[in-house]
Amino acid sequence: MADYTFLPDLRAEVTIPKDGILSRTIHSDDRLTATAFGFDAGQELTEHTSAHPALIEIVEGRAEILLAGDRHEAGPGAWISMPAGTAHAIRATTPLVMLLVLLR
């Protein structure tokens, strides 16, 4: 059995639901949890914090992201690193696929 995860196309792992948000854990171990998200346009995760440091990468689509009170427009290739406790929110402005990695 292999000790790695290989996904040839992360976008293929996520079906964007109409008028909703889908999340799918694609990897979890004692160091991190990686979750792929699919948001329909207009869907959002309201402001919240995490007990763990986190990384976000926008894979496809566009979003407005609030980080510690600062608003950012983000598209494919945008990458975010947040320490634990950072207030953040995400609103998809188009159908969106993103990867969230929570570090332990």
PDB file of N, CA and C in Angstrom:
ATOM      1  N   MET A   1       0.841  -1.185   0.000  1.00  0.00           N
ATOM      2  CA  MET A   1       0.000   0.000   0.000  1.00  0.00           C
ATOM      3  C   MET A   1       0.891   1.255   0.000  1.00  0.00           C
ATOM      4  N   ALA A   2       0.561   2.223  -0.822  1.00  0.00           N
ATOM      5  CA  ALA A   2       1.359   3.443  -0.967  1.00  0.00           C
ATOM      6  C   ALA A   2       1.143   4.394   0.198  1.00  0.00           C
ATOM      7  N   ASP A   3       2.192   5.158   0.511  1.00  0.00           N
ATOM      8  CA  ASP A   3       2.133   6.149   1.572  1.00  0.00           C
ATOM      9  C   ASP A   3       1.928   7.556   1.024  1.00  0.00           C
ATOM     10  N   TYR A   4       1.256   7.684  -0.097  1.00  0.00           N
ATOM     11  CA  TYR A   4       1.038   9.003  -0.674  1.00  0.00           C
ATOM     12  C   TYR A   4      -0.353   9.072  -1.297  1.00  0.00           C
ATOM     13  N   THR A   5      -0.768  10.291  -1.587  1.00  0.00           N
ATOM     14  CA  THR A   5      -2.022  10.536  -2.286  1.00  0.00           C
ATOM     15  C   THR A   5      -1.688  11.253  -3.580  1.00  0.00           C
ATOM     16  N   PHE A   6      -2.174  10.738  -4.689  1.00  0.00           N
ATOM     17  CA  PHE A   6      -1.990  11.378  -5.991  1.00  0.00           C
ATOM     18  C   PHE A   6      -3.357  11.584  -6.627  1.00  0.00           C
ATOM     19  N   LEU A   7      -3.686  12.832  -6.911  1.00  0.00           N
ATOM     20  CA  LEU A   7      -4.906  13.174  -7.638  1.00  0.00           C
ATOM     21  C   LEU A   7      -4.481  13.877  -8.917  1.00  0.00           C
ATOM     22  N   PRO A   8      -4.733  13.311 -10.082  1.00  0.00           N
ATOM     23  CA  PRO A   8      -4.279  13.932 -11.319  1.00  0.00           C
ATOM     24  C   PRO A   8      -4.956  15.264 -11.623  1.00  0.00           C
ATOM     25  N   ASP A   9      -6.156  15.486 -11.086  1.00  0.00           N
ATOM     26  CA  ASP A   9      -6.869  16.747 -11.310  1.00  0.00           C
ATOM     27  C   ASP A   9      -7.801  17.002 -10.136  1.00  0.00           C
ATOM     28  N   LEU A  10      -7.393  17.886  -9.247  1.00  0.00           N
ATOM     29  CA  LEU A  10      -8.188  18.173  -8.052  1.00  0.00           C
ATOM     30  C   LEU A  10      -9.605  18.616  -8.409  1.00  0.00           C
ATOM     31  N   ARG A  11      -9.751  19.341  -9.510  1.00  0.00           N
ATOM     32  CA  ARG A  11     -11.083  19.821  -9.925  1.00  0.00           C
ATOM     33  C   ARG A  11     -12.043  18.661 -10.158  1.00  0.00           C
ATOM     34  N   ALA A  12     -11.543  17.540 -10.618  1.00  0.00           N
ATOM     35  CA  ALA A  12     -12.393  16.383 -10.885  1.00  0.00           C
ATOM     36  C   ALA A  12     -12.919  15.739  -9.602  1.00  0.00           C
ATOM     37  N   GLU A  13     -12.342  16.072  -8.472  1.00  0.00           N
ATOM     38  CA  GLU A  13     -12.763  15.522  -7.183  1.00  0.00           C
ATOM     39  C   GLU A  13     -13.969  16.260  -6.593  1.00  0.00           C
ATOM     40  N   VAL A  14     -14.333  17.387  -7.210  1.00  0.00           N
ATOM     41  CA  VAL A  14     -15.376  18.243  -6.637  1.00  0.00           C
ATOM     42  C   VAL A  14     -16.468  18.505  -7.667  1.00  0.00           C
ATOM     43  N   THR A  15     -17.694  18.180  -7.306  1.00  0.00           N
ATOM     44  CA  THR A  15     -18.853  18.570  -8.100  1.00  0.00           C
ATOM     45  C   THR A  15     -19.473  19.769  -7.399  1.00  0.00           C
ATOM     46  N   ILE A  16     -19.609  20.874  -8.114  1.00  0.00           N
ATOM     47  CA  ILE A  16     -20.164  22.077  -7.502  1.00  0.00           C
ATOM     48  C   ILE A  16     -21.686  21.955  -7.473  1.00  0.00           C
ATOM     49  N   PRO A  17     -22.278  21.941  -6.279  1.00  0.00           N
ATOM     50  CA  PRO A  17     -23.734  21.788  -6.193  1.00  0.00           C
ATOM     51  C   PRO A  17     -24.451  23.087  -6.550  1.00  0.00           C
ATOM     52  N   LYS A  18     -25.598  22.972  -7.193  1.00  0.00           N
ATOM     53  CA  LYS A  18     -26.389  24.160  -7.506  1.00  0.00           C
ATOM     54  C   LYS A  18     -26.864  24.782  -6.200  1.00  0.00           C
ATOM     55  N   ASP A  19     -26.592  26.076  -6.023  1.00  0.00           N
ATOM     56  CA  ASP A  19     -27.012  26.836  -4.843  1.00  0.00           C
ATOM     57  C   ASP A  19     -26.484  26.246  -3.536  1.00  0.00           C
ATOM     58  N   GLY A  20     -25.281  25.684  -3.568  1.00  0.00           N
ATOM     59  CA  GLY A  20     -24.765  25.091  -2.337  1.00  0.00           C
ATOM     60  C   GLY A  20     -23.249  25.052  -2.287  1.00  0.00           C
ATOM     61  N   ILE A  21     -22.761  24.384  -1.242  1.00  0.00           N
ATOM     62  CA  ILE A  21     -21.327  24.183  -1.017  1.00  0.00           C
ATOM     63  C   ILE A  21     -21.119  22.706  -0.722  1.00  0.00           C
ATOM     64  N   LEU A  22     -20.094  22.136  -1.335  1.00  0.00           N
ATOM     65  CA  LEU A  22     -19.723  20.754  -1.076  1.00  0.00           C
ATOM     66  C   LEU A  22     -18.305  20.749  -0.526  1.00  0.00           C
ATOM     67  N   SER A  23     -18.052  19.913   0.478  1.00  0.00           N
ATOM     68  CA  SER A  23     -16.679  19.735   0.956  1.00  0.00           C
ATOM     69  C   SER A  23     -16.377  18.246   0.973  1.00  0.00           C
ATOM     70  N   ARG A  24     -15.143  17.909   0.606  1.00  0.00           N
ATOM     71  CA  ARG A  24     -14.720  16.515   0.562  1.00  0.00           C
ATOM     72  C   ARG A  24     -13.292  16.413   1.066  1.00  0.00           C
ATOM     73  N   THR A  25     -13.104  15.667   2.156  1.00  0.00           N
ATOM     74  CA  THR A  25     -11.758  15.429   2.671  1.00  0.00           C
ATOM     75  C   THR A  25     -11.031  14.518   1.692  1.00  0.00           C
ATOM     76  N   ILE A  26      -9.879  14.984   1.215  1.00  0.00           N
ATOM     77  CA  ILE A  26      -9.118  14.188   0.247  1.00  0.00           C
ATOM     78  C   ILE A  26      -7.870  13.556   0.869  1.00  0.00           C
ATOM     79  N   HIS A  27      -7.491  14.039   2.053  1.00  0.00           N
ATOM     80  CA  HIS A  27      -6.353  13.446   2.761  1.00  0.00           C
ATOM     81  C   HIS A  27      -6.413  13.880   4.219  1.00  0.00           C
ATOM     82  N   SER A  28      -6.103  12.936   5.105  1.00  0.00           N
ATOM     83  CA  SER A  28      -6.027  13.261   6.532  1.00  0.00           C
ATOM     84  C   SER A  28      -5.014  12.332   7.182  1.00  0.00           C
ATOM     85  N   ASP A  29      -4.133  12.935   7.965  1.00  0.00           N
ATOM     86  CA  ASP A  29      -3.185  12.149   8.751  1.00  0.00           C
ATOM     87  C   ASP A  29      -2.885  12.917  10.030  1.00  0.00           C
ATOM     88  N   ASP A  30      -1.854  12.512  10.766  1.00  0.00           N
ATOM     89  CA  ASP A  30      -1.570  13.163  12.043  1.00  0.00           C
ATOM     90  C   ASP A  30      -0.956  14.553  11.885  1.00  0.00           C
ATOM     91  N   ARG A  31      -0.617  14.978  10.648  1.00  0.00           N
ATOM     92  CA  ARG A  31      -0.012  16.288  10.419  1.00  0.00           C
ATOM     93  C   ARG A  31      -0.962  17.302   9.803  1.00  0.00           C
ATOM     94  N   LEU A  32      -1.930  16.823   8.993  1.00  0.00           N
ATOM     95  CA  LEU A  32      -2.796  17.763   8.280  1.00  0.00           C
ATOM     96  C   LEU A  32      -4.071  17.097   7.803  1.00  0.00           C
ATOM     97  N   THR A  33      -5.046  17.944   7.479  1.00  0.00           N
ATOM     98  CA  THR A  33      -6.265  17.522   6.799  1.00  0.00           C
ATOM     99  C   THR A  33      -6.436  18.406   5.585  1.00  0.00           C
ATOM    100  N   ALA A  34      -6.572  17.785   4.405  1.00  0.00           N
ATOM    101  CA  ALA A  34      -6.785  18.524   3.157  1.00  0.00           C
ATOM    102  C   ALA A  34      -8.220  18.289   2.704  1.00  0.00           C
ATOM    103  N   THR A  35      -8.938  19.390   2.482  1.00  0.00           N
ATOM    104  CA  THR A  35     -10.337  19.318   2.087  1.00  0.00           C
ATOM    105  C   THR A  35     -10.554  20.144   0.837  1.00  0.00           C
ATOM    106  N   ALA A  36     -11.164  19.533  -0.172  1.00  0.00           N
ATOM    107  CA  ALA A  36     -11.529  20.241  -1.394  1.00  0.00           C
ATOM    108  C   ALA A  36     -12.951  20.759  -1.224  1.00  0.00           C
ATOM    109  N   PHE A  37     -13.168  22.001  -1.643  1.00  0.00           N
ATOM    110  CA  PHE A  37     -14.486  22.632  -1.555  1.00  0.00           C
ATOM    111  C   PHE A  37     -14.965  23.016  -2.943  1.00  0.00           C
ATOM    112  N   GLY A  38     -16.265  22.892  -3.162  1.00  0.00           N
ATOM    113  CA  GLY A  38     -16.913  23.423  -4.350  1.00  0.00           C
ATOM    114  C   GLY A  38     -18.039  24.340  -3.921  1.00  0.00           C
ATOM    115  N   PHE A  39     -18.008  25.586  -4.376  1.00  0.00           N
ATOM    116  CA  PHE A  39     -19.028  26.580  -4.044  1.00  0.00           C
ATOM    117  C   PHE A  39     -19.744  26.986  -5.332  1.00  0.00           C
ATOM    118  N   ASP A  40     -21.064  27.075  -5.307  1.00  0.00           N
ATOM    119  CA  ASP A  40     -21.753  27.710  -6.420  1.00  0.00           C
ATOM    120  C   ASP A  40     -21.585  29.222  -6.262  1.00  0.00           C
ATOM    121  N   ALA A  41     -21.730  29.954  -7.351  1.00  0.00           N
ATOM    122  CA  ALA A  41     -21.611  31.413  -7.295  1.00  0.00           C
ATOM    123  C   ALA A  41     -22.590  31.967  -6.266  1.00  0.00           C
ATOM    124  N   GLY A  42     -22.109  32.901  -5.451  1.00  0.00           N
ATOM    125  CA  GLY A  42     -22.941  33.534  -4.429  1.00  0.00           C
ATOM    126  C   GLY A  42     -22.943  32.829  -3.087  1.00  0.00           C
ATOM    127  N   GLN A  43     -22.410  31.629  -3.031  1.00  0.00           N
ATOM    128  CA  GLN A  43     -22.362  30.887  -1.767  1.00  0.00           C
ATOM    129  C   GLN A  43     -21.176  31.374  -0.932  1.00  0.00           C
ATOM    130  N   GLU A  44     -21.315  31.270   0.388  1.00  0.00           N
ATOM    131  CA  GLU A  44     -20.245  31.776   1.241  1.00  0.00           C
ATOM    132  C   GLU A  44     -20.124  31.016   2.543  1.00  0.00           C
ATOM    133  N   LEU A  45     -18.922  31.078   3.090  1.00  0.00           N
ATOM    134  CA  LEU A  45     -18.668  30.690   4.475  1.00  0.00           C
ATOM    135  C   LEU A  45     -18.496  32.000   5.215  1.00  0.00           C
ATOM    136  N   THR A  46     -19.379  32.270   6.160  1.00  0.00           N
ATOM    137  CA  THR A  46     -19.325  33.526   6.889  1.00  0.00           C
ATOM    138  C   THR A  46     -18.090  33.562   7.791  1.00  0.00           C
ATOM    139  N   GLU A  47     -17.795  34.737   8.307  1.00  0.00           N
ATOM    140  CA  GLU A  47     -16.573  34.940   9.081  1.00  0.00           C
ATOM    141  C   GLU A  47     -16.479  33.951  10.241  1.00  0.00           C
ATOM    142  N   HIS A  48     -15.306  33.339  10.350  1.00  0.00           N
ATOM    143  CA  HIS A  48     -15.037  32.372  11.405  1.00  0.00           C
ATOM    144  C   HIS A  48     -13.526  32.307  11.627  1.00  0.00           C
ATOM    145  N   THR A  49     -13.121  31.527  12.612  1.00  0.00           N
ATOM    146  CA  THR A  49     -11.703  31.301  12.883  1.00  0.00           C
ATOM    147  C   THR A  49     -11.458  29.799  12.954  1.00  0.00           C
ATOM    148  N   SER A  50     -10.196  29.425  12.928  1.00  0.00           N
ATOM    149  CA  SER A  50      -9.810  28.022  13.065  1.00  0.00           C
ATOM    150  C   SER A  50      -8.828  27.901  14.217  1.00  0.00           C
ATOM    151  N   ALA A  51      -8.897  26.789  14.907  1.00  0.00           N
ATOM    152  CA  ALA A  51      -7.956  26.524  16.002  1.00  0.00           C
ATOM    153  C   ALA A  51      -6.587  26.100  15.476  1.00  0.00           C
ATOM    154  N   HIS A  52      -6.498  25.889  14.154  1.00  0.00           N
ATOM    155  CA  HIS A  52      -5.250  25.412  13.546  1.00  0.00           C
ATOM    156  C   HIS A  52      -4.771  26.384  12.465  1.00  0.00           C
ATOM    157  N   PRO A  53      -3.468  26.429  12.215  1.00  0.00           N
ATOM    158  CA  PRO A  53      -2.985  27.169  11.050  1.00  0.00           C
ATOM    159  C   PRO A  53      -3.596  26.551   9.791  1.00  0.00           C
ATOM    160  N   ALA A  54      -3.803  27.378   8.757  1.00  0.00           N
ATOM    161  CA  ALA A  54      -4.457  26.890   7.549  1.00  0.00           C
ATOM    162  C   ALA A  54      -3.837  27.485   6.299  1.00  0.00           C
ATOM    163  N   LEU A  55      -3.953  26.726   5.213  1.00  0.00           N
ATOM    164  CA  LEU A  55      -3.548  27.166   3.883  1.00  0.00           C
ATOM    165  C   LEU A  55      -4.758  27.033   2.971  1.00  0.00           C
ATOM    166  N   ILE A  56      -4.952  28.009   2.090  1.00  0.00           N
ATOM    167  CA  ILE A  56      -6.029  27.952   1.097  1.00  0.00           C
ATOM    168  C   ILE A  56      -5.410  28.216  -0.265  1.00  0.00           C
ATOM    169  N   GLU A  57      -5.808  27.428  -1.255  1.00  0.00           N
ATOM    170  CA  GLU A  57      -5.432  27.684  -2.635  1.00  0.00           C
ATOM    171  C   GLU A  57      -6.688  27.678  -3.486  1.00  0.00           C
ATOM    172  N   ILE A  58      -6.863  28.725  -4.296  1.00  0.00           N
ATOM    173  CA  ILE A  58      -7.977  28.770  -5.239  1.00  0.00           C
ATOM    174  C   ILE A  58      -7.548  27.975  -6.470  1.00  0.00           C
ATOM    175  N   VAL A  59      -8.333  26.969  -6.809  1.00  0.00           N
ATOM    176  CA  VAL A  59      -8.011  26.078  -7.922  1.00  0.00           C
ATOM    177  C   VAL A  59      -8.715  26.546  -9.197  1.00  0.00           C
ATOM    178  N   GLU A  60      -9.980  26.933  -9.054  1.00  0.00           N
ATOM    179  CA  GLU A  60     -10.784  27.336 -10.211  1.00  0.00           C
ATOM    180  C   GLU A  60     -11.867  28.300  -9.750  1.00  0.00           C
ATOM    181  N   GLY A  61     -12.143  29.324 -10.544  1.00  0.00           N
ATOM    182  CA  GLY A  61     -13.187  30.287 -10.210  1.00  0.00           C
ATOM    183  C   GLY A  61     -12.625  31.497  -9.486  1.00  0.00           C
ATOM    184  N   ARG A  62     -13.539  32.318  -8.993  1.00  0.00           N
ATOM    185  CA  ARG A  62     -13.152  33.563  -8.326  1.00  0.00           C
ATOM    186  C   ARG A  62     -13.914  33.696  -7.010  1.00  0.00           C
ATOM    187  N   ALA A  63     -13.278  34.395  -6.054  1.00  0.00           N
ATOM    188  CA  ALA A  63     -13.880  34.577  -4.734  1.00  0.00           C
ATOM    189  C   ALA A  63     -13.469  35.916  -4.151  1.00  0.00           C
ATOM    190  N   GLU A  64     -14.299  36.403  -3.252  1.00  0.00           N
ATOM    191  CA  GLU A  64     -13.938  37.528  -2.397  1.00  0.00           C
ATOM    192  C   GLU A  64     -13.601  36.923  -1.048  1.00  0.00           C
ATOM    193  N   ILE A  65     -12.405  37.241  -0.562  1.00  0.00           N
ATOM    194  CA  ILE A  65     -11.929  36.645   0.684  1.00  0.00           C
ATOM    195  C   ILE A  65     -11.645  37.747   1.691  1.00  0.00           C
ATOM    196  N   LEU A  66     -12.174  37.578   2.888  1.00  0.00           N
ATOM    197  CA  LEU A  66     -11.933  38.499   3.995  1.00  0.00           C
ATOM    198  C   LEU A  66     -10.916  37.838   4.913  1.00  0.00           C
ATOM    199  N   LEU A  67      -9.784  38.524   5.143  1.00  0.00           N
ATOM    200  CA  LEU A  67      -8.717  38.017   6.013  1.00  0.00           C
ATOM    201  C   LEU A  67      -8.384  39.081   7.043  1.00  0.00           C
ATOM    202  N   ALA A  68      -8.694  38.800   8.302  1.00  0.00           N
ATOM    203  CA  ALA A  68      -8.377  39.736   9.389  1.00  0.00           C
ATOM    204  C   ALA A  68      -8.853  41.151   9.055  1.00  0.00           C
ATOM    205  N   GLY A  69     -10.042  41.254   8.468  1.00  0.00           N
ATOM    206  CA  GLY A  69     -10.627  42.552   8.153  1.00  0.00           C
ATOM    207  C   GLY A  69     -10.273  43.112   6.789  1.00  0.00           C
ATOM    208  N   ASP A  70      -9.333  42.501   6.077  1.00  0.00           N
ATOM    209  CA  ASP A  70      -8.919  42.957   4.744  1.00  0.00           C
ATOM    210  C   ASP A  70      -9.645  42.152   3.669  1.00  0.00           C
ATOM    211  N   ARG A  71     -10.195  42.854   2.668  1.00  0.00           N
ATOM    212  CA  ARG A  71     -10.877  42.184   1.547  1.00  0.00           C
ATOM    213  C   ARG A  71      -9.914  41.994   0.381  1.00  0.00           C
ATOM    214  N   HIS A  72      -9.988  40.800  -0.225  1.00  0.00           N
ATOM    215  CA  HIS A  72      -9.145  40.465  -1.373  1.00  0.00           C
ATOM    216  C   HIS A  72      -9.992  39.784  -2.441  1.00  0.00           C
ATOM    217  N   GLU A  73      -9.714  40.096  -3.700  1.00  0.00           N
ATOM    218  CA  GLU A  73     -10.276  39.346  -4.827  1.00  0.00           C
ATOM    219  C   GLU A  73      -9.278  38.252  -5.151  1.00  0.00           C
ATOM    220  N   ALA A  74      -9.760  37.023  -5.323  1.00  0.00           N
ATOM    221  CA  ALA A  74      -8.859  35.902  -5.549  1.00  0.00           C
ATOM    222  C   ALA A  74      -9.351  35.051  -6.706  1.00  0.00           C
ATOM    223  N   GLY A  75      -8.405  34.600  -7.523  1.00  0.00           N
ATOM    224  CA  GLY A  75      -8.707  33.722  -8.644  1.00  0.00           C
ATOM    225  C   GLY A  75      -7.751  32.549  -8.651  1.00  0.00           C
ATOM    226  N   PRO A  76      -7.782  31.737  -9.723  1.00  0.00           N
ATOM    227  CA  PRO A  76      -6.934  30.552  -9.792  1.00  0.00           C
ATOM    228  C   PRO A  76      -5.465  30.881  -9.515  1.00  0.00           C
ATOM    229  N   GLY A  77      -4.881  30.103  -8.638  1.00  0.00           N
ATOM    230  CA  GLY A  77      -3.488  30.307  -8.259  1.00  0.00           C
ATOM    231  C   GLY A  77      -3.309  31.133  -7.003  1.00  0.00           C
ATOM    232  N   ALA A  78      -4.363  31.814  -6.534  1.00  0.00           N
ATOM    233  CA  ALA A  78      -4.237  32.580  -5.285  1.00  0.00           C
ATOM    234  C   ALA A  78      -3.962  31.607  -4.142  1.00  0.00           C
ATOM    235  N   TRP A  79      -3.092  32.025  -3.240  1.00  0.00           N
ATOM    236  CA  TRP A  79      -2.649  31.170  -2.146  1.00  0.00           C
ATOM    237  C   TRP A  79      -2.623  31.982  -0.867  1.00  0.00           C
ATOM    238  N   ILE A  80      -3.120  31.402   0.210  1.00  0.00           N
ATOM    239  CA  ILE A  80      -3.247  32.093   1.498  1.00  0.00           C
ATOM    240  C   ILE A  80      -2.671  31.209   2.598  1.00  0.00           C
ATOM    241  N   SER A  81      -1.920  31.823   3.497  1.00  0.00           N
ATOM    242  CA  SER A  81      -1.441  31.164   4.702  1.00  0.00           C
ATOM    243  C   SER A  81      -1.974  31.951   5.890  1.00  0.00           C
ATOM    244  N   MET A  82      -2.633  31.266   6.829  1.00  0.00           N
ATOM    245  CA  MET A  82      -3.220  31.933   7.994  1.00  0.00           C
ATOM    246  C   MET A  82      -2.791  31.251   9.286  1.00  0.00           C
ATOM    247  N   PRO A  83      -2.325  32.022  10.254  1.00  0.00           N
ATOM    248  CA  PRO A  83      -2.083  31.416  11.567  1.00  0.00           C
ATOM    249  C   PRO A  83      -3.412  31.070  12.234  1.00  0.00           C
ATOM    250  N   ALA A  84      -3.366  30.194  13.210  1.00  0.00           N
ATOM    251  CA  ALA A  84      -4.556  29.847  13.985  1.00  0.00           C
ATOM    252  C   ALA A  84      -5.185  31.124  14.538  1.00  0.00           C
ATOM    253  N   GLY A  85      -6.498  31.162  14.567  1.00  0.00           N
ATOM    254  CA  GLY A  85      -7.216  32.285  15.150  1.00  0.00           C
ATOM    255  C   GLY A  85      -7.488  33.439  14.197  1.00  0.00           C
ATOM    256  N   THR A  86      -7.044  33.362  12.940  1.00  0.00           N
ATOM    257  CA  THR A  86      -7.280  34.446  11.981  1.00  0.00           C
ATOM    258  C   THR A  86      -8.739  34.442  11.538  1.00  0.00           C
ATOM    259  N   ALA A  87      -9.419  35.563  11.720  1.00  0.00           N
ATOM    260  CA  ALA A  87     -10.802  35.682  11.245  1.00  0.00           C
ATOM    261  C   ALA A  87     -10.788  35.740   9.723  1.00  0.00           C
ATOM    262  N   HIS A  88     -11.659  34.935   9.096  1.00  0.00           N
ATOM    263  CA  HIS A  88     -11.715  34.906   7.644  1.00  0.00           C
ATOM    264  C   HIS A  88     -13.102  34.488   7.164  1.00  0.00           C
ATOM    265  N   ALA A  89     -13.427  34.877   5.926  1.00  0.00           N
ATOM    266  CA  ALA A  89     -14.686  34.512   5.283  1.00  0.00           C
ATOM    267  C   ALA A  89     -14.412  34.374   3.791  1.00  0.00           C
ATOM    268  N   ILE A  90     -15.231  33.580   3.111  1.00  0.00           N
ATOM    269  CA  ILE A  90     -15.066  33.350   1.677  1.00  0.00           C
ATOM    270  C   ILE A  90     -16.432  33.419   1.016  1.00  0.00           C
ATOM    271  N   ARG A  91     -16.531  34.207  -0.075  1.00  0.00           N
ATOM    272  CA  ARG A  91     -17.753  34.275  -0.877  1.00  0.00           C
ATOM    273  C   ARG A  91     -17.378  34.038  -2.325  1.00  0.00           C
ATOM    274  N   ALA A  92     -17.978  33.019  -2.930  1.00  0.00           N
ATOM    275  CA  ALA A  92     -17.706  32.701  -4.324  1.00  0.00           C
ATOM    276  C   ALA A  92     -18.413  33.723  -5.215  1.00  0.00           C
ATOM    277  N   THR A  93     -17.668  34.370  -6.111  1.00  0.00           N
ATOM    278  CA  THR A  93     -18.271  35.294  -7.063  1.00  0.00           C
ATOM    279  C   THR A  93     -18.566  34.595  -8.389  1.00  0.00           C
ATOM    280  N   THR A  94     -17.965  33.429  -8.607  1.00  0.00           N
ATOM    281  CA  THR A  94     -18.270  32.519  -9.711  1.00  0.00           C
ATOM    282  C   THR A  94     -18.259  31.120  -9.103  1.00  0.00           C
ATOM    283  N   PRO A  95     -18.686  30.085  -9.835  1.00  0.00           N
ATOM    284  CA  PRO A  95     -18.469  28.738  -9.301  1.00  0.00           C
ATOM    285  C   PRO A  95     -16.985  28.586  -8.944  1.00  0.00           C
ATOM    286  N   LEU A  96     -16.730  27.965  -7.805  1.00  0.00           N
ATOM    287  CA  LEU A  96     -15.395  27.997  -7.205  1.00  0.00           C
ATOM    288  C   LEU A  96     -14.977  26.621  -6.714  1.00  0.00           C
ATOM    289  N   VAL A  97     -13.718  26.278  -6.964  1.00  0.00           N
ATOM    290  CA  VAL A  97     -13.095  25.098  -6.353  1.00  0.00           C
ATOM    291  C   VAL A  97     -11.873  25.593  -5.600  1.00  0.00           C
ATOM    292  N   MET A  98     -11.773  25.220  -4.328  1.00  0.00           N
ATOM    293  CA  MET A  98     -10.612  25.609  -3.529  1.00  0.00           C
ATOM    294  C   MET A  98     -10.165  24.442  -2.675  1.00  0.00           C
ATOM    295  N   LEU A  99      -8.901  24.519  -2.278  1.00  0.00           N
ATOM    296  CA  LEU A  99      -8.313  23.512  -1.394  1.00  0.00           C
ATOM    297  C   LEU A  99      -7.995  24.175  -0.072  1.00  0.00           C
ATOM    298  N   LEU A 100      -8.447  23.563   1.016  1.00  0.00           N
ATOM    299  CA  LEU A 100      -8.140  24.006   2.376  1.00  0.00           C
ATOM    300  C   LEU A 100      -7.280  22.946   3.034  1.00  0.00           C
ATOM    301  N   VAL A 101      -6.138  23.363   3.594  1.00  0.00           N
ATOM    302  CA  VAL A 101      -5.269  22.461   4.336  1.00  0.00           C
ATOM    303  C   VAL A 101      -5.168  22.984   5.759  1.00  0.00           C
ATOM    304  N   LEU A 102      -5.634  22.174   6.709  1.00  0.00           N
ATOM    305  CA  LEU A 102      -5.507  22.510   8.128  1.00  0.00           C
ATOM    306  C   LEU A 102      -4.297  21.768   8.678  1.00  0.00           C
ATOM    307  N   LEU A 103      -3.382  22.501   9.274  1.00  0.00           N
ATOM    308  CA  LEU A 103      -2.153  21.929   9.830  1.00  0.00           C
ATOM    309  C   LEU A 103      -2.349  21.635  11.310  1.00  0.00           C
ATOM    310  N   ARG A 104      -1.717  20.604  11.784  1.00  0.00           N
ATOM    311  CA  ARG A 104      -1.836  20.268  13.212  1.00  0.00           C
ATOM    312  C   ARG A 104      -0.542  20.555  13.929  1.00  0.00           C
TER     313      ARG A 104
END
